[in-house]
Protein backbone atom coordinates (compact mmCIF):
# COMPACT_ATOMS: atom_id res chain seq x y z
CA MET A 1 -6.12 -11.09 7.96
CA PRO A 2 -4.81 -7.66 7.18
CA ARG A 3 -5.10 -5.60 4.05
CA PRO A 4 -3.94 -2.18 3.05
CA ILE A 5 -6.24 0.30 1.60
CA ILE A 6 -5.31 3.55 -0.36
CA ASN A 7 -6.60 6.94 -0.04
CA HIS A 8 -5.23 8.02 -3.74
CA GLU A 9 -5.64 11.75 -3.07
CA LYS A 10 -2.97 11.37 0.15
CA LEU A 11 -0.72 8.94 -1.71
CA GLY A 12 -0.12 10.80 -4.88
CA ASN A 13 3.08 9.83 -6.38
CA HIS A 14 4.57 8.02 -3.81
CA ASP A 15 6.18 5.25 -5.62
CA GLU A 16 8.33 4.17 -2.90
CA ILE A 17 5.64 1.51 -1.35
CA ILE A 18 5.89 -0.27 -4.19
CA ALA A 19 9.64 -1.11 -3.31
CA ILE A 20 9.41 -1.13 0.62
CA CYS A 21 6.75 -3.79 0.29
CA PRO A 22 8.70 -7.31 1.52
CA ALA A 23 5.03 -9.49 0.08
CA ASN A 24 4.99 -7.20 -3.16
CA VAL A 25 1.43 -6.10 -2.71
CA PHE A 26 1.14 -3.57 -4.76
CA GLU A 27 1.88 -2.36 -8.33
CA LYS A 28 1.25 0.51 -10.70
CA GLU A 29 -1.54 0.64 -13.10
CA ASN A 30 -2.45 3.10 -15.59
CA GLY A 31 -0.49 5.64 -13.56
CA LYS A 32 -1.90 5.02 -10.18
CA ILE A 33 -0.23 2.52 -7.11
CA VAL A 34 -3.14 -0.34 -6.45
CA VAL A 35 -3.26 -3.44 -3.94
CA LYS A 36 -2.90 -6.18 -6.50
CA ARG A 37 -2.08 -9.22 -4.38
CA PRO A 38 -4.08 -8.30 -0.83
CA GLU A 39 -4.08 -11.63 -0.08
CA ASP A 40 -0.54 -11.53 0.06
CA CYS A 41 -0.36 -8.69 2.81
CA ILE A 42 1.73 -9.93 5.75
CA GLY A 43 0.40 -6.90 7.95
CA CYS A 44 3.92 -4.84 8.68
CA ARG A 45 2.55 -1.68 8.47
CA ALA A 46 5.96 -0.94 5.92
CA CYS A 47 3.51 1.13 3.61
CA GLU A 48 1.83 2.85 6.37
CA ALA A 49 5.10 3.86 7.82
CA ASN A 50 6.58 5.36 4.30
CA ALA A 51 3.52 7.30 2.82
CA PRO A 52 2.18 10.71 3.78
CA GLU A 53 -0.17 10.15 6.65
CA GLY A 54 -3.34 8.67 5.77
CA ALA A 55 -2.44 8.03 2.59
CA VAL A 56 -2.37 3.71 2.96
CA LYS A 57 -3.99 2.18 6.23
CA VAL A 58 -3.78 -1.86 6.98
CA VAL A 59 -7.21 -2.82 8.42
CA ASP A 60 -7.40 -6.30 9.99
CA ASP A 61 -10.65 -8.39 8.32
């Protein structure tokens, strides 16, 4: 099952990953982007492609 992991230091304020995710996995909480629904990740890796290098990584568990 794919699951995104966020490196907050590298991600910063790149909120576009929230909108780009077709599965609506991300949300903003207390000023930080969080993986709210990891079980909904479809492994498309759009978040990886649209975030700074190394800021988001999709791993397969």
